[in-house]
N, C-alpha and C. Protein backbone atom coordinates (compact mmCIF):
# COMPACT_ATOMS: atom_id res chain seq x y z
N UNK A 1 73.89 80.50 79.36
CA UNK A 1 73.90 81.39 80.53
C UNK A 1 73.15 82.67 80.17
N UNK A 2 72.04 82.93 80.80
CA UNK A 2 71.16 84.03 80.43
C UNK A 2 71.64 85.35 81.03
N UNK A 3 71.86 86.34 80.17
CA UNK A 3 72.29 87.66 80.62
C UNK A 3 71.07 88.50 80.97
N UNK A 4 71.08 89.08 82.16
CA UNK A 4 69.96 89.88 82.63
C UNK A 4 70.30 91.36 82.80
N UNK A 5 71.60 91.68 82.81
CA UNK A 5 71.98 93.06 83.01
C UNK A 5 73.31 93.40 82.38
N UNK A 6 73.53 94.70 82.15
CA UNK A 6 74.78 95.19 81.58
C UNK A 6 75.25 96.39 82.39
N UNK A 7 76.52 96.36 82.75
CA UNK A 7 77.16 97.50 83.41
C UNK A 7 78.06 98.17 82.38
N UNK A 8 77.87 99.46 82.19
CA UNK A 8 78.59 100.18 81.14
C UNK A 8 79.54 101.22 81.71
N UNK A 9 80.69 101.33 81.09
CA UNK A 9 81.53 102.49 81.25
C UNK A 9 80.94 103.58 80.36
N UNK A 10 81.36 104.82 80.54
CA UNK A 10 80.81 105.92 79.74
C UNK A 10 81.89 106.59 78.88
N UNK A 11 82.93 107.13 79.51
CA UNK A 11 84.01 107.78 78.77
C UNK A 11 84.70 106.80 77.84
N UNK A 12 84.76 107.11 76.56
CA UNK A 12 85.43 106.25 75.61
C UNK A 12 84.61 105.06 75.17
N UNK A 13 83.48 104.86 75.84
CA UNK A 13 82.60 103.74 75.52
C UNK A 13 81.32 104.23 74.86
N UNK A 14 80.67 105.20 75.49
CA UNK A 14 79.47 105.81 74.93
C UNK A 14 79.75 107.21 74.39
N UNK A 15 80.74 107.89 74.97
CA UNK A 15 81.08 109.26 74.60
C UNK A 15 82.54 109.34 74.18
N UNK A 16 82.82 110.06 73.11
CA UNK A 16 84.18 110.21 72.58
C UNK A 16 84.90 111.30 73.37
N UNK A 17 85.37 110.96 74.56
CA UNK A 17 85.87 111.97 75.49
C UNK A 17 87.27 111.70 76.02
N UNK A 18 87.89 110.59 75.66
CA UNK A 18 89.18 110.25 76.27
C UNK A 18 90.28 111.26 75.97
N UNK A 19 90.39 111.70 74.73
CA UNK A 19 91.41 112.70 74.39
C UNK A 19 91.16 114.00 75.13
N UNK A 20 89.91 114.38 75.25
CA UNK A 20 89.56 115.62 75.95
C UNK A 20 89.96 115.55 77.42
N UNK A 21 89.72 114.42 78.06
CA UNK A 21 90.11 114.26 79.45
C UNK A 21 91.62 114.39 79.61
N UNK A 22 92.36 113.74 78.71
CA UNK A 22 93.82 113.81 78.79
C UNK A 22 94.31 115.24 78.61
N UNK A 23 93.74 115.95 77.66
CA UNK A 23 94.15 117.34 77.42
C UNK A 23 93.85 118.22 78.63
N UNK A 24 92.70 118.01 79.26
CA UNK A 24 92.33 118.80 80.43
C UNK A 24 93.29 118.55 81.58
N UNK A 25 93.70 117.30 81.77
CA UNK A 25 94.69 117.00 82.81
C UNK A 25 96.02 117.70 82.50
N UNK A 26 96.47 117.60 81.27
CA UNK A 26 97.75 118.21 80.89
C UNK A 26 97.73 119.72 81.15
N UNK A 27 96.64 120.37 80.76
CA UNK A 27 96.54 121.82 80.94
C UNK A 27 96.46 122.21 82.41
N UNK A 28 95.71 121.45 83.19
CA UNK A 28 95.59 121.75 84.62
C UNK A 28 96.93 121.56 85.33
N UNK A 29 97.63 120.50 85.01
CA UNK A 29 98.94 120.27 85.62
C UNK A 29 99.92 121.38 85.24
N UNK A 30 99.87 121.81 83.99
CA UNK A 30 100.78 122.86 83.53
C UNK A 30 100.56 124.16 84.30
N UNK A 31 99.31 124.46 84.63
CA UNK A 31 99.01 125.68 85.37
C UNK A 31 99.60 125.66 86.78
N UNK A 32 99.90 124.47 87.28
CA UNK A 32 100.50 124.34 88.60
C UNK A 32 101.97 123.96 88.52
N UNK A 33 102.55 124.18 87.35
CA UNK A 33 103.99 124.02 87.20
C UNK A 33 104.49 122.64 86.83
N UNK A 34 103.58 121.76 86.48
CA UNK A 34 103.97 120.39 86.11
C UNK A 34 103.83 120.20 84.61
N UNK A 35 104.95 119.99 83.94
CA UNK A 35 104.92 119.76 82.50
C UNK A 35 104.85 118.26 82.24
N UNK A 36 103.69 117.81 81.83
CA UNK A 36 103.46 116.38 81.58
C UNK A 36 102.97 116.22 80.15
N UNK A 37 103.57 115.32 79.42
CA UNK A 37 103.22 115.10 78.02
C UNK A 37 101.85 114.45 77.89
N UNK A 38 101.12 114.86 76.86
CA UNK A 38 99.83 114.24 76.55
C UNK A 38 99.98 112.73 76.42
N UNK A 39 101.07 112.30 75.79
CA UNK A 39 101.30 110.87 75.55
C UNK A 39 101.45 110.08 76.85
N UNK A 40 101.84 110.75 77.92
CA UNK A 40 101.96 110.06 79.21
C UNK A 40 100.60 109.94 79.89
N UNK A 41 99.78 110.97 79.72
CA UNK A 41 98.48 111.00 80.39
C UNK A 41 97.45 110.15 79.65
N UNK A 42 97.49 110.18 78.34
CA UNK A 42 96.42 109.53 77.55
C UNK A 42 96.19 108.06 77.91
N UNK A 43 97.23 107.24 78.10
CA UNK A 43 96.99 105.83 78.44
C UNK A 43 96.40 105.63 79.84
N UNK A 44 96.40 106.68 80.65
CA UNK A 44 95.88 106.57 82.01
C UNK A 44 94.39 106.89 82.09
N UNK A 45 93.84 107.44 81.02
CA UNK A 45 92.43 107.80 81.03
C UNK A 45 91.59 106.52 81.10
N UNK A 46 90.67 106.55 82.03
CA UNK A 46 89.92 105.35 82.40
C UNK A 46 90.10 105.09 83.87
N UNK A 47 91.21 105.61 84.39
CA UNK A 47 91.43 105.67 85.83
C UNK A 47 90.89 107.00 86.34
N UNK A 48 90.77 107.13 87.65
CA UNK A 48 90.37 108.40 88.24
C UNK A 48 91.59 109.20 88.66
N UNK A 49 91.34 110.37 89.23
CA UNK A 49 92.43 111.22 89.69
C UNK A 49 93.29 110.58 90.76
N UNK A 50 92.71 109.64 91.51
CA UNK A 50 93.48 108.95 92.55
C UNK A 50 94.62 108.13 91.97
N UNK A 51 94.51 107.80 90.68
CA UNK A 51 95.58 107.06 90.00
C UNK A 51 96.39 107.98 89.09
N UNK A 52 95.72 108.89 88.39
CA UNK A 52 96.40 109.74 87.41
C UNK A 52 97.43 110.65 88.08
N UNK A 53 97.06 111.28 89.18
CA UNK A 53 97.98 112.22 89.84
C UNK A 53 99.26 111.55 90.35
N UNK A 54 99.17 110.43 91.07
CA UNK A 54 100.41 109.77 91.50
C UNK A 54 101.27 109.29 90.34
N UNK A 55 100.63 108.83 89.26
CA UNK A 55 101.36 108.29 88.12
C UNK A 55 102.09 109.38 87.32
N UNK A 56 101.59 110.61 87.38
CA UNK A 56 102.15 111.67 86.53
C UNK A 56 102.97 112.70 87.30
N UNK A 57 102.45 113.18 88.42
CA UNK A 57 103.14 114.25 89.15
C UNK A 57 103.46 113.86 90.58
N UNK A 58 103.24 112.60 90.91
CA UNK A 58 103.60 112.06 92.23
C UNK A 58 102.91 112.80 93.38
N UNK A 59 101.65 113.12 93.14
CA UNK A 59 100.82 113.74 94.18
C UNK A 59 99.62 112.83 94.46
N UNK A 60 99.13 112.86 95.69
CA UNK A 60 97.90 112.14 95.98
C UNK A 60 96.72 113.06 95.69
N UNK A 61 95.57 112.48 95.42
CA UNK A 61 94.41 113.31 95.08
C UNK A 61 93.95 114.12 96.28
N UNK A 62 94.30 113.68 97.50
CA UNK A 62 93.86 114.37 98.71
C UNK A 62 94.84 115.44 99.18
N UNK A 63 96.00 115.52 98.55
CA UNK A 63 96.95 116.58 98.91
C UNK A 63 96.38 117.92 98.47
N UNK A 64 96.87 118.99 99.05
CA UNK A 64 96.37 120.32 98.73
C UNK A 64 96.52 120.62 97.24
N UNK A 65 97.71 120.40 96.70
CA UNK A 65 97.93 120.68 95.28
C UNK A 65 97.16 119.70 94.41
N UNK A 66 97.08 118.45 94.85
CA UNK A 66 96.33 117.44 94.10
C UNK A 66 94.86 117.83 93.98
N UNK A 67 94.29 118.33 95.06
CA UNK A 67 92.90 118.77 95.02
C UNK A 67 92.72 119.97 94.10
N UNK A 68 93.68 120.89 94.13
CA UNK A 68 93.59 122.07 93.28
C UNK A 68 93.69 121.70 91.79
N UNK A 69 94.61 120.80 91.49
CA UNK A 69 94.75 120.37 90.10
C UNK A 69 93.48 119.67 89.63
N UNK A 70 92.92 118.82 90.48
CA UNK A 70 91.70 118.09 90.12
C UNK A 70 90.55 119.04 89.85
N UNK A 71 90.40 120.04 90.71
CA UNK A 71 89.31 121.02 90.52
C UNK A 71 89.53 121.83 89.24
N UNK A 72 90.77 122.19 88.99
CA UNK A 72 91.06 122.96 87.78
C UNK A 72 90.82 122.11 86.54
N UNK A 73 91.22 120.84 86.59
CA UNK A 73 90.96 119.93 85.46
C UNK A 73 89.48 119.85 85.17
N UNK A 74 88.68 119.75 86.22
CA UNK A 74 87.23 119.66 86.04
C UNK A 74 86.69 120.91 85.35
N UNK A 75 87.17 122.08 85.79
CA UNK A 75 86.71 123.33 85.20
C UNK A 75 87.14 123.45 83.74
N UNK A 76 88.40 123.11 83.47
CA UNK A 76 88.91 123.17 82.09
C UNK A 76 88.11 122.23 81.20
N UNK A 77 87.85 121.03 81.68
CA UNK A 77 87.12 120.05 80.88
C UNK A 77 85.73 120.57 80.52
N UNK A 78 85.04 121.10 81.52
CA UNK A 78 83.67 121.57 81.28
C UNK A 78 83.63 122.79 80.37
N UNK A 79 84.58 123.71 80.58
CA UNK A 79 84.56 124.97 79.83
C UNK A 79 85.10 124.83 78.41
N UNK A 80 86.19 124.10 78.27
CA UNK A 80 86.89 124.07 76.98
C UNK A 80 86.57 122.85 76.12
N UNK A 81 86.24 121.76 76.77
CA UNK A 81 86.14 120.50 76.01
C UNK A 81 84.74 119.91 75.93
N UNK A 82 83.98 120.00 77.00
CA UNK A 82 82.67 119.35 76.97
C UNK A 82 81.77 119.83 75.83
N UNK A 83 81.75 121.15 75.53
CA UNK A 83 80.87 121.61 74.44
C UNK A 83 81.13 120.95 73.09
N UNK A 84 82.34 120.43 72.89
CA UNK A 84 82.67 119.81 71.60
C UNK A 84 82.53 118.30 71.58
N UNK A 85 82.12 117.72 72.70
CA UNK A 85 82.02 116.26 72.76
C UNK A 85 80.77 115.74 72.07
N UNK A 86 80.87 114.52 71.59
CA UNK A 86 79.74 113.86 70.95
C UNK A 86 79.66 112.41 71.43
N UNK A 87 78.45 111.90 71.47
CA UNK A 87 78.27 110.47 71.73
C UNK A 87 78.74 109.70 70.51
N UNK A 88 79.25 108.50 70.74
CA UNK A 88 79.61 107.65 69.61
C UNK A 88 78.36 107.25 68.84
N UNK A 89 78.47 107.09 67.52
CA UNK A 89 77.32 106.65 66.73
C UNK A 89 76.75 105.34 67.28
N UNK A 90 75.44 105.32 67.40
CA UNK A 90 74.77 104.11 67.86
C UNK A 90 74.69 103.93 69.36
N UNK A 91 75.25 104.88 70.12
CA UNK A 91 75.28 104.71 71.58
C UNK A 91 73.87 104.63 72.17
N UNK A 92 73.04 105.62 71.87
CA UNK A 92 71.68 105.61 72.41
C UNK A 92 70.89 104.43 71.87
N UNK A 93 71.05 104.16 70.59
CA UNK A 93 70.29 103.06 69.97
C UNK A 93 70.66 101.71 70.58
N UNK A 94 71.93 101.53 70.92
CA UNK A 94 72.35 100.28 71.57
C UNK A 94 71.69 100.15 72.93
N UNK A 95 71.68 101.23 73.69
CA UNK A 95 71.04 101.20 75.01
C UNK A 95 69.55 100.91 74.87
N UNK A 96 68.92 101.53 73.89
CA UNK A 96 67.49 101.30 73.67
C UNK A 96 67.22 99.84 73.33
N UNK A 97 68.08 99.25 72.50
CA UNK A 97 67.89 97.85 72.11
C UNK A 97 68.07 96.92 73.31
N UNK A 98 69.04 97.22 74.15
CA UNK A 98 69.25 96.39 75.33
C UNK A 98 68.06 96.47 76.28
N UNK A 99 67.53 97.66 76.45
CA UNK A 99 66.35 97.81 77.30
C UNK A 99 65.14 97.11 76.69
N UNK A 100 65.01 97.23 75.37
CA UNK A 100 63.91 96.59 74.66
C UNK A 100 63.93 95.08 74.89
N UNK A 101 65.12 94.53 75.01
CA UNK A 101 65.27 93.09 75.21
C UNK A 101 65.26 92.70 76.68
N UNK A 102 64.92 93.65 77.53
CA UNK A 102 64.71 93.32 78.93
C UNK A 102 65.93 93.37 79.82
N UNK A 103 67.02 93.95 79.34
CA UNK A 103 68.23 94.01 80.15
C UNK A 103 68.20 95.20 81.10
N UNK A 104 68.68 94.99 82.31
CA UNK A 104 68.83 96.07 83.27
C UNK A 104 70.16 96.76 83.00
N UNK A 105 70.15 98.09 82.90
CA UNK A 105 71.35 98.84 82.55
C UNK A 105 71.84 99.68 83.71
N UNK A 106 73.15 99.63 83.93
CA UNK A 106 73.78 100.43 84.98
C UNK A 106 75.09 100.99 84.43
N UNK A 107 75.55 102.10 85.00
CA UNK A 107 76.85 102.64 84.61
C UNK A 107 77.79 102.63 85.80
N UNK A 108 79.05 102.32 85.51
CA UNK A 108 80.11 102.30 86.52
C UNK A 108 81.25 103.16 85.98
N UNK A 109 81.36 104.37 86.49
CA UNK A 109 82.28 105.33 85.91
C UNK A 109 83.21 105.93 86.96
N UNK A 110 84.42 106.29 86.53
CA UNK A 110 85.36 107.00 87.40
C UNK A 110 85.12 108.51 87.35
N UNK A 111 84.12 108.93 86.58
CA UNK A 111 83.80 110.36 86.47
C UNK A 111 83.16 110.88 87.75
N UNK A 112 83.22 112.19 87.91
CA UNK A 112 82.52 112.82 89.02
C UNK A 112 81.02 112.81 88.71
N UNK A 113 80.17 112.86 89.75
CA UNK A 113 78.72 112.73 89.54
C UNK A 113 78.14 113.73 88.54
N UNK A 114 78.56 115.00 88.64
CA UNK A 114 77.99 116.00 87.75
C UNK A 114 78.44 115.78 86.31
N UNK A 115 79.69 115.33 86.13
CA UNK A 115 80.16 115.01 84.78
C UNK A 115 79.40 113.83 84.21
N UNK A 116 79.17 112.82 85.06
CA UNK A 116 78.46 111.63 84.60
C UNK A 116 77.06 111.99 84.11
N UNK A 117 76.38 112.86 84.83
CA UNK A 117 75.03 113.26 84.42
C UNK A 117 75.07 114.01 83.09
N UNK A 118 76.10 114.83 82.89
CA UNK A 118 76.24 115.54 81.62
C UNK A 118 76.45 114.56 80.47
N UNK A 119 77.26 113.54 80.71
CA UNK A 119 77.52 112.54 79.67
C UNK A 119 76.26 111.77 79.32
N UNK A 120 75.50 111.36 80.34
CA UNK A 120 74.29 110.59 80.09
C UNK A 120 73.27 111.43 79.33
N UNK A 121 73.23 112.72 79.64
CA UNK A 121 72.33 113.63 78.91
C UNK A 121 72.79 113.76 77.46
N UNK A 122 74.10 113.82 77.26
CA UNK A 122 74.66 113.93 75.91
C UNK A 122 74.28 112.72 75.06
N UNK A 123 74.30 111.55 75.68
CA UNK A 123 73.93 110.32 74.97
C UNK A 123 72.43 110.21 74.78
N UNK A 124 71.67 110.89 75.66
CA UNK A 124 70.22 110.73 75.66
C UNK A 124 69.80 109.51 76.45
N UNK A 125 70.61 109.21 77.49
CA UNK A 125 70.43 107.95 78.21
C UNK A 125 69.84 108.11 79.60
N UNK A 126 69.41 109.32 79.96
CA UNK A 126 68.94 109.54 81.34
C UNK A 126 67.84 108.57 81.74
N UNK A 127 66.93 108.28 80.82
CA UNK A 127 65.80 107.42 81.14
C UNK A 127 66.06 105.95 80.83
N UNK A 128 67.26 105.64 80.35
CA UNK A 128 67.58 104.27 79.97
C UNK A 128 68.43 103.56 81.02
N UNK A 129 69.13 104.35 81.83
CA UNK A 129 70.03 103.80 82.84
C UNK A 129 69.30 103.73 84.18
N UNK A 130 69.33 102.57 84.80
CA UNK A 130 68.61 102.37 86.05
C UNK A 130 69.48 102.61 87.29
N UNK A 131 70.78 102.36 87.18
CA UNK A 131 71.68 102.55 88.31
C UNK A 131 72.93 103.29 87.85
N UNK A 132 73.41 104.22 88.69
CA UNK A 132 74.61 104.98 88.38
C UNK A 132 75.59 104.90 89.54
N UNK A 133 76.85 104.62 89.25
CA UNK A 133 77.90 104.67 90.26
C UNK A 133 79.02 105.54 89.71
N UNK A 134 79.44 106.51 90.51
CA UNK A 134 80.47 107.45 90.08
C UNK A 134 81.59 107.51 91.11
N UNK A 135 82.52 108.42 90.93
CA UNK A 135 83.68 108.51 91.81
C UNK A 135 83.30 108.81 93.25
N UNK A 136 82.17 109.47 93.46
CA UNK A 136 81.79 109.81 94.84
C UNK A 136 81.37 108.59 95.66
N UNK A 137 81.07 107.51 94.98
CA UNK A 137 80.57 106.32 95.66
C UNK A 137 81.66 105.36 96.11
N UNK A 138 82.90 105.60 95.69
CA UNK A 138 83.98 104.66 95.99
C UNK A 138 85.26 105.41 96.35
N UNK A 139 86.17 104.71 97.02
CA UNK A 139 87.45 105.29 97.40
C UNK A 139 88.48 105.18 96.28
N UNK A 140 88.42 104.07 95.56
CA UNK A 140 89.45 103.79 94.55
C UNK A 140 88.82 103.60 93.18
N UNK A 141 89.45 104.18 92.17
CA UNK A 141 88.92 104.07 90.80
C UNK A 141 89.45 102.80 90.13
N UNK A 142 88.93 102.52 88.95
CA UNK A 142 89.43 101.39 88.16
C UNK A 142 90.93 101.57 87.92
N UNK A 143 91.70 100.48 87.91
CA UNK A 143 91.29 99.08 87.81
C UNK A 143 90.95 98.41 89.13
N UNK A 144 90.98 99.14 90.25
CA UNK A 144 90.46 98.54 91.48
C UNK A 144 88.98 98.23 91.26
N UNK A 145 88.46 97.23 91.93
CA UNK A 145 87.11 96.74 91.62
C UNK A 145 85.98 97.48 92.33
N UNK A 146 86.31 98.51 93.11
CA UNK A 146 85.30 99.15 93.97
C UNK A 146 84.04 99.56 93.21
N UNK A 147 84.22 100.28 92.10
CA UNK A 147 83.06 100.80 91.37
C UNK A 147 82.24 99.67 90.76
N UNK A 148 82.89 98.61 90.35
CA UNK A 148 82.17 97.45 89.82
C UNK A 148 81.42 96.72 90.92
N UNK A 149 82.06 96.58 92.07
CA UNK A 149 81.43 95.88 93.18
C UNK A 149 80.16 96.60 93.64
N UNK A 150 80.26 97.92 93.77
CA UNK A 150 79.10 98.71 94.20
C UNK A 150 77.99 98.63 93.15
N UNK A 151 78.36 98.78 91.89
CA UNK A 151 77.35 98.76 90.82
C UNK A 151 76.67 97.41 90.72
N UNK A 152 77.45 96.35 90.80
CA UNK A 152 76.88 95.00 90.73
C UNK A 152 75.88 94.79 91.86
N UNK A 153 76.23 95.23 93.05
CA UNK A 153 75.31 95.10 94.18
C UNK A 153 74.03 95.87 93.94
N UNK A 154 74.15 97.05 93.35
CA UNK A 154 72.97 97.88 93.10
C UNK A 154 72.04 97.27 92.05
N UNK A 155 72.59 96.49 91.15
CA UNK A 155 71.73 95.85 90.14
C UNK A 155 70.89 94.74 90.75
N UNK A 156 71.36 94.18 91.86
CA UNK A 156 70.64 93.07 92.47
C UNK A 156 70.83 91.76 91.73
N UNK A 157 71.79 91.73 90.80
CA UNK A 157 72.04 90.54 89.99
C UNK A 157 73.34 89.86 90.41
N UNK A 158 73.48 88.61 90.05
CA UNK A 158 74.72 87.89 90.29
C UNK A 158 75.70 88.16 89.15
N UNK A 159 76.99 87.99 89.44
CA UNK A 159 78.02 88.30 88.45
C UNK A 159 77.84 87.53 87.14
N UNK A 160 77.40 86.28 87.22
CA UNK A 160 77.25 85.48 86.01
C UNK A 160 76.08 85.94 85.14
N UNK A 161 75.21 86.79 85.69
CA UNK A 161 74.06 87.29 84.94
C UNK A 161 74.34 88.63 84.26
N UNK A 162 75.56 89.14 84.45
CA UNK A 162 75.88 90.50 84.02
C UNK A 162 77.09 90.51 83.08
N UNK A 163 77.07 91.43 82.12
CA UNK A 163 78.23 91.72 81.29
C UNK A 163 78.63 93.18 81.49
N UNK A 164 79.93 93.44 81.38
CA UNK A 164 80.46 94.79 81.40
C UNK A 164 80.75 95.19 79.97
N UNK A 165 80.49 96.45 79.63
CA UNK A 165 80.92 97.00 78.34
C UNK A 165 81.83 98.18 78.63
N UNK A 166 83.08 98.10 78.16
CA UNK A 166 84.04 99.16 78.42
C UNK A 166 85.03 99.30 77.28
N UNK A 167 85.96 100.23 77.45
CA UNK A 167 86.90 100.51 76.35
C UNK A 167 88.36 100.43 76.76
N UNK A 168 88.64 100.13 78.03
CA UNK A 168 90.03 100.10 78.48
C UNK A 168 90.35 98.79 79.20
N UNK A 169 91.64 98.54 79.34
CA UNK A 169 92.09 97.39 80.11
C UNK A 169 91.68 97.54 81.57
N UNK A 170 91.51 98.79 82.02
CA UNK A 170 91.10 99.02 83.41
C UNK A 170 89.68 98.54 83.65
N UNK A 171 88.81 98.73 82.67
CA UNK A 171 87.45 98.21 82.77
C UNK A 171 87.46 96.69 82.89
N UNK A 172 88.25 96.07 82.04
CA UNK A 172 88.31 94.60 82.02
C UNK A 172 88.85 94.07 83.34
N UNK A 173 89.92 94.69 83.84
CA UNK A 173 90.53 94.23 85.09
C UNK A 173 89.59 94.40 86.28
N UNK A 174 88.93 95.56 86.35
CA UNK A 174 87.99 95.80 87.44
C UNK A 174 86.84 94.81 87.41
N UNK A 175 86.35 94.52 86.21
CA UNK A 175 85.24 93.57 86.08
C UNK A 175 85.67 92.16 86.45
N UNK A 176 86.86 91.77 86.00
CA UNK A 176 87.36 90.43 86.31
C UNK A 176 87.45 90.19 87.81
N UNK A 177 87.79 91.23 88.55
CA UNK A 177 87.97 91.09 89.99
C UNK A 177 86.67 90.81 90.73
N UNK A 178 85.54 91.09 90.07
CA UNK A 178 84.24 90.73 90.66
C UNK A 178 83.55 89.65 89.82
N UNK A 179 84.35 88.98 88.97
CA UNK A 179 83.89 87.82 88.19
C UNK A 179 82.83 88.18 87.14
N UNK A 180 82.93 89.40 86.61
CA UNK A 180 82.05 89.83 85.53
C UNK A 180 82.85 89.84 84.22
N UNK A 181 82.28 89.30 83.17
CA UNK A 181 82.93 89.26 81.86
C UNK A 181 82.69 90.57 81.10
N UNK A 182 83.62 90.90 80.21
CA UNK A 182 83.59 92.21 79.53
C UNK A 182 83.54 92.09 78.02
N UNK A 183 82.69 92.93 77.42
CA UNK A 183 82.72 93.22 75.99
C UNK A 183 83.49 94.53 75.85
N UNK A 184 84.50 94.56 74.99
CA UNK A 184 85.32 95.76 74.85
C UNK A 184 85.06 96.46 73.52
N UNK A 185 85.22 97.78 73.55
CA UNK A 185 85.12 98.61 72.35
C UNK A 185 86.49 99.19 71.99
N UNK A 186 86.78 99.26 70.70
CA UNK A 186 88.02 99.87 70.23
C UNK A 186 87.93 101.40 70.19
N UNK A 187 86.74 101.95 70.23
CA UNK A 187 86.56 103.39 70.00
C UNK A 187 87.23 104.26 71.06
N UNK A 188 87.62 103.67 72.19
CA UNK A 188 88.32 104.44 73.21
C UNK A 188 89.79 104.62 72.92
N UNK A 189 90.28 103.94 71.87
CA UNK A 189 91.66 104.15 71.45
C UNK A 189 92.65 103.08 71.86
N UNK A 190 92.17 102.01 72.49
CA UNK A 190 93.06 100.94 72.91
C UNK A 190 93.18 99.88 71.82
N UNK A 191 94.33 99.22 71.78
CA UNK A 191 94.57 98.16 70.79
C UNK A 191 93.97 96.85 71.28
N UNK A 192 93.68 95.98 70.32
CA UNK A 192 93.09 94.68 70.66
C UNK A 192 93.94 93.91 71.65
N UNK A 193 95.26 94.00 71.50
CA UNK A 193 96.15 93.25 72.40
C UNK A 193 95.98 93.69 73.85
N UNK A 194 95.66 94.97 74.04
CA UNK A 194 95.46 95.50 75.39
C UNK A 194 94.10 95.11 75.95
N UNK A 195 93.20 94.71 75.07
CA UNK A 195 91.84 94.35 75.47
C UNK A 195 91.64 92.83 75.46
N UNK A 196 92.75 92.11 75.53
CA UNK A 196 92.72 90.66 75.35
C UNK A 196 91.87 89.93 76.39
N UNK A 197 91.63 90.54 77.53
CA UNK A 197 90.83 89.89 78.56
C UNK A 197 89.34 89.91 78.29
N UNK A 198 88.93 90.63 77.26
CA UNK A 198 87.50 90.72 76.92
C UNK A 198 87.04 89.44 76.22
N UNK A 199 85.75 89.13 76.36
CA UNK A 199 85.21 87.94 75.69
C UNK A 199 84.83 88.24 74.25
N UNK A 200 84.74 89.53 73.90
CA UNK A 200 84.46 89.96 72.52
C UNK A 200 84.89 91.41 72.39
N UNK A 201 85.32 91.79 71.19
CA UNK A 201 85.75 93.17 70.92
C UNK A 201 85.02 93.68 69.69
N UNK A 202 84.45 94.88 69.80
CA UNK A 202 83.75 95.53 68.69
C UNK A 202 84.33 96.93 68.50
N UNK A 203 84.09 97.51 67.32
CA UNK A 203 84.60 98.85 67.04
C UNK A 203 83.98 99.90 67.95
N UNK A 204 82.71 99.72 68.28
CA UNK A 204 82.00 100.69 69.11
C UNK A 204 80.54 100.31 69.23
N UNK A 205 79.71 101.21 69.76
CA UNK A 205 78.29 100.89 69.96
C UNK A 205 77.57 100.46 68.68
N UNK A 206 77.81 101.16 67.58
CA UNK A 206 77.11 100.83 66.34
C UNK A 206 77.48 99.44 65.84
N UNK A 207 78.74 99.07 66.00
CA UNK A 207 79.20 97.75 65.57
C UNK A 207 78.55 96.65 66.41
N UNK A 208 78.50 96.84 67.72
CA UNK A 208 77.85 95.85 68.57
C UNK A 208 76.37 95.75 68.25
N UNK A 209 75.73 96.89 68.03
CA UNK A 209 74.31 96.89 67.70
C UNK A 209 74.05 96.12 66.41
N UNK A 210 74.91 96.31 65.42
CA UNK A 210 74.74 95.63 64.13
C UNK A 210 74.92 94.12 64.24
N UNK A 211 75.68 93.69 65.24
CA UNK A 211 75.94 92.26 65.42
C UNK A 211 75.32 91.74 66.72
N UNK A 212 74.30 92.42 67.18
CA UNK A 212 73.71 92.11 68.49
C UNK A 212 73.32 90.64 68.62
N UNK A 213 72.65 90.11 67.61
CA UNK A 213 72.09 88.76 67.73
C UNK A 213 73.13 87.66 67.77
N UNK A 214 74.36 87.96 67.36
CA UNK A 214 75.41 86.95 67.46
C UNK A 214 76.46 87.35 68.50
N UNK A 215 76.12 88.34 69.32
CA UNK A 215 77.03 88.82 70.36
C UNK A 215 76.76 88.10 71.68
N UNK A 216 77.67 88.24 72.65
CA UNK A 216 77.43 87.65 73.97
C UNK A 216 76.16 88.16 74.65
N UNK A 217 75.67 89.32 74.24
CA UNK A 217 74.45 89.87 74.83
C UNK A 217 73.24 88.99 74.55
N UNK A 218 73.26 88.30 73.44
CA UNK A 218 72.10 87.52 73.02
C UNK A 218 72.20 86.04 73.40
N UNK A 219 73.29 85.68 74.05
CA UNK A 219 73.48 84.26 74.37
C UNK A 219 72.81 83.89 75.70
């Protein structure tokens, strides 16, 4: 089965940002009187605010307070955490290798559009990614399949021609719902047992790059 395209997650997959996102949520919630433990928020990273807020403080993202917390989280993340973020080793090189081999690359992220652009710039991937889908393009974040469905359509490819690369069970579940198979990375902090739905698991971009020729990408 010839693979023609790859849909990638960004947070925790290409950029080491999951802990930073969790910390920003915790701090933003605290400013509005909600004391939520980091340990409760961290496993939710990979979802968008439409899932994180109801799961932690029982607010919808469209409520007045929910909107305020979301905006504050975004500001905290950009001001306090983004400057210290780094791409995972091998992230850009993996993307370059995939493009070199003729694969079409797209990203499907629960991030806001401006954050997504910052991440792609951090990786050095602006000219390597052909399609981008962010939170503004869909109503529901992962593990709902909306972002995957939109991204798959934008690639112009069929599900059997595409692989997803992500770091959470939410990536795998969202991809499965549109019949796309997933390669998972451990670098986002999830255990192998939680990534059991993936067809292959690697430590991160550098590990997949080192084993590219025997990976599902080359089959």
